[in-house]
């Protein structure tokens, strides 16, 4: 095999691995956000308010999954990798939550630009609706990301194949 064939194979393998990682992130986040969406629907139904934004969990999972992939490329939290796993897991959960907050504010700023109100106006309009929504959303993101990063850090230390086998392969009886 020539070096260009090896390089091409490596490139394809990297794309496949990154796509698999992204798909895993999206599936996990979709399940978490779907649970919170269902919770929101049930709470609102108790007050005779209809809630039909079911696809928002999937859309948010795709967006947040991309944010996590971007944060991974930026190597967020890599300086803590020699510490006990709780520290990099919590640090990454906090940092990625903050990254999501920044992306959310930018999203609303761009929405303000799109509607002709201006970037700052879009951000202020979002915050004016209630900062409690941003804080509650941030809490949900943090709670969702904490076990995600804990398992990811564990996989980094013991190997993702070992984690996969522990969760998805039958073990012999003892």
Protein backbone atom coordinates (compact mmCIF):
# COMPACT_ATOMS: atom_id res chain seq x y z
CA UNK A 1 0.00 0.00 0.00
CA UNK A 2 1.45 3.38 -0.92
CA UNK A 3 1.78 6.17 1.60
CA UNK A 4 -1.02 8.10 -0.11
CA UNK A 5 -3.32 5.07 0.28
CA UNK A 6 -2.43 4.85 3.96
CA UNK A 7 -3.03 8.55 4.38
CA UNK A 8 -6.41 8.27 2.60
CA UNK A 9 -7.37 5.31 4.80
CA UNK A 10 -6.38 7.24 7.91
CA UNK A 11 -8.45 10.21 6.75
CA UNK A 12 -11.50 8.01 6.14
CA UNK A 13 -11.02 6.28 9.48
CA UNK A 14 -10.85 9.63 11.27
CA UNK A 15 -14.05 10.86 9.58
CA UNK A 16 -15.83 7.62 10.45
CA UNK A 17 -14.64 7.79 14.09
CA UNK A 18 -15.68 11.46 14.41
CA UNK A 19 -19.08 10.76 12.86
CA UNK A 20 -19.58 7.84 15.27
CA UNK A 21 -18.62 10.07 18.20
CA UNK A 22 -21.00 12.79 17.01
CA UNK A 23 -23.81 10.27 16.53
CA UNK A 24 -23.28 8.90 20.05
CA UNK A 25 -23.38 12.42 21.50
CA UNK A 26 -26.55 13.28 19.55
CA UNK A 27 -28.33 10.07 20.59
CA UNK A 28 -27.48 10.61 24.27
CA UNK A 29 -28.51 14.27 24.23
CA UNK A 30 -31.70 13.53 22.28
CA UNK A 31 -32.77 11.06 24.96
CA UNK A 32 -32.01 13.52 27.76
CA UNK A 33 -33.70 16.46 26.04
CA UNK A 34 -36.68 14.32 25.05
CA UNK A 35 -37.18 13.46 28.72
CA UNK A 36 -37.11 17.16 29.65
CA UNK A 37 -39.42 17.99 26.73
CA UNK A 38 -41.89 15.39 27.93
CA UNK A 39 -41.61 16.79 31.47
CA UNK A 40 -42.34 20.29 30.14
CA UNK A 41 -45.34 18.99 28.19
CA UNK A 42 -46.77 17.26 31.28
CA UNK A 43 -46.26 20.28 33.54
CA UNK A 44 -47.90 22.59 31.03
CA UNK A 45 -50.75 20.12 30.45
CA UNK A 46 -51.54 20.33 34.16
CA UNK A 47 -52.30 24.02 33.50
CA UNK A 48 -54.26 23.28 30.31
CA UNK A 49 -51.46 24.60 28.10
CA UNK A 50 -50.68 22.64 24.97
CA UNK A 51 -47.01 22.02 24.14
CA UNK A 52 -46.13 20.49 20.78
CA UNK A 53 -42.45 21.34 20.31
CA UNK A 54 -41.37 17.69 20.27
CA UNK A 55 -38.67 18.04 17.60
CA UNK A 56 -36.81 20.65 19.63
CA UNK A 57 -35.04 17.87 21.57
CA UNK A 58 -33.51 16.50 18.38
CA UNK A 59 -32.60 19.93 17.02
CA UNK A 60 -30.97 20.93 20.32
CA UNK A 61 -29.09 17.62 20.42
CA UNK A 62 -27.68 18.18 16.93
CA UNK A 63 -26.60 21.73 17.79
CA UNK A 64 -25.18 20.88 21.21
CA UNK A 65 -23.44 17.84 19.75
CA UNK A 66 -21.66 20.11 17.30
CA UNK A 67 -20.76 22.51 20.12
CA UNK A 68 -19.23 19.59 22.05
CA UNK A 69 -17.27 18.51 18.99
CA UNK A 70 -15.98 22.08 18.52
CA UNK A 71 -15.05 22.26 22.20
CA UNK A 72 -13.17 18.98 21.86
CA UNK A 73 -11.19 20.39 18.96
CA UNK A 74 -10.38 23.41 21.13
CA UNK A 75 -9.11 20.90 23.73
CA UNK A 76 -11.19 22.29 26.58
CA UNK A 77 -10.19 20.71 29.88
CA UNK A 78 -7.11 18.90 28.60
CA UNK A 79 -4.92 20.39 31.35
CA UNK A 80 -6.78 18.41 34.02
CA UNK A 81 -6.32 14.95 32.54
CA UNK A 82 -3.85 13.76 35.20
CA UNK A 83 -6.15 14.66 38.08
CA UNK A 84 -8.85 12.37 39.55
CA UNK A 85 -11.59 11.89 36.95
CA UNK A 86 -14.17 13.92 38.87
CA UNK A 87 -12.22 17.13 38.23
CA UNK A 88 -11.94 16.98 34.43
CA UNK A 89 -15.51 15.63 34.19
CA UNK A 90 -17.02 18.48 36.24
CA UNK A 91 -14.74 21.08 34.69
CA UNK A 92 -15.74 20.02 31.18
CA UNK A 93 -19.43 19.96 32.16
CA UNK A 94 -19.14 23.54 33.45
CA UNK A 95 -17.05 24.80 30.54
CA UNK A 96 -19.25 23.20 27.89
CA UNK A 97 -22.35 24.56 29.64
CA UNK A 98 -20.80 28.04 29.44
CA UNK A 99 -19.96 27.41 25.79
CA UNK A 100 -23.61 26.54 25.16
CA UNK A 101 -24.69 29.76 26.92
CA UNK A 102 -22.37 31.77 24.66
CA UNK A 103 -23.70 29.98 21.56
CA UNK A 104 -27.29 30.58 22.73
CA UNK A 105 -26.66 34.29 23.20
CA UNK A 106 -24.94 34.48 19.81
CA UNK A 107 -27.86 32.64 18.24
CA UNK A 108 -30.32 35.20 19.59
CA UNK A 109 -27.99 38.03 18.58
CA UNK A 110 -27.89 36.70 15.02
CA UNK A 111 -31.66 36.35 15.12
CA UNK A 112 -31.79 40.05 16.06
CA UNK A 113 -29.56 40.88 13.09
CA UNK A 114 -31.75 38.77 10.81
CA UNK A 115 -34.88 40.64 11.88
CA UNK A 116 -33.13 44.01 11.55
CA UNK A 117 -33.08 44.83 15.26
CA UNK A 118 -29.34 44.42 15.73
CA UNK A 119 -27.16 41.88 17.50
CA UNK A 120 -27.32 43.49 20.95
CA UNK A 121 -31.05 43.99 20.67
CA UNK A 122 -31.53 40.30 19.91
CA UNK A 123 -29.51 39.29 22.99
CA UNK A 124 -31.33 41.80 25.21
CA UNK A 125 -34.70 40.66 23.89
CA UNK A 126 -33.84 37.08 24.83
CA UNK A 127 -32.61 38.09 28.28
CA UNK A 128 -35.64 40.37 28.71
CA UNK A 129 -37.97 37.38 28.35
CA UNK A 130 -36.47 36.12 31.55
CA UNK A 131 -32.96 35.21 32.51
CA UNK A 132 -34.57 32.35 34.43
CA UNK A 133 -35.04 30.54 31.11
CA UNK A 134 -31.33 30.81 30.37
CA UNK A 135 -30.43 29.70 33.91
CA UNK A 136 -32.87 26.77 33.83
CA UNK A 137 -31.60 25.72 30.40
CA UNK A 138 -28.02 25.96 31.65
CA UNK A 139 -28.86 23.76 34.63
CA UNK A 140 -30.41 21.15 32.34
CA UNK A 141 -27.33 21.22 30.10
CA UNK A 142 -24.99 20.90 33.10
CA UNK A 143 -26.97 17.97 34.54
CA UNK A 144 -26.99 16.27 31.13
CA UNK A 145 -23.29 16.81 30.53
CA UNK A 146 -22.00 15.68 33.93
CA UNK A 147 -22.56 11.92 33.47
CA UNK A 148 -21.69 12.27 29.80
CA UNK A 149 -18.24 13.65 30.56
CA UNK A 150 -17.76 11.31 33.52
CA UNK A 151 -18.20 8.28 31.26
CA UNK A 152 -16.15 9.91 28.52
CA UNK A 153 -13.28 10.56 30.95
CA UNK A 154 -13.52 6.99 32.22
CA UNK A 155 -13.30 5.80 28.63
CA UNK A 156 -10.24 7.96 28.08
CA UNK A 157 -8.49 6.25 31.00
CA UNK A 158 -9.60 2.61 30.66
CA UNK A 159 -10.33 2.69 26.92
CA UNK A 160 -13.52 3.25 25.01
CA UNK A 161 -13.57 -0.38 23.86
CA UNK A 162 -13.61 -1.50 27.51
CA UNK A 163 -16.45 0.92 28.36
CA UNK A 164 -18.41 -0.23 25.29
CA UNK A 165 -17.91 -3.88 26.28
CA UNK A 166 -18.99 -3.23 29.87
CA UNK A 167 -22.21 -1.55 28.77
CA UNK A 168 -23.19 -3.46 25.66
CA UNK A 169 -21.68 -6.96 25.76
CA UNK A 170 -22.79 -9.86 27.89
CA UNK A 171 -20.33 -10.97 30.53
CA UNK A 172 -19.80 -14.60 31.48
CA UNK A 173 -21.53 -15.79 34.64
CA UNK A 174 -19.35 -16.02 37.70
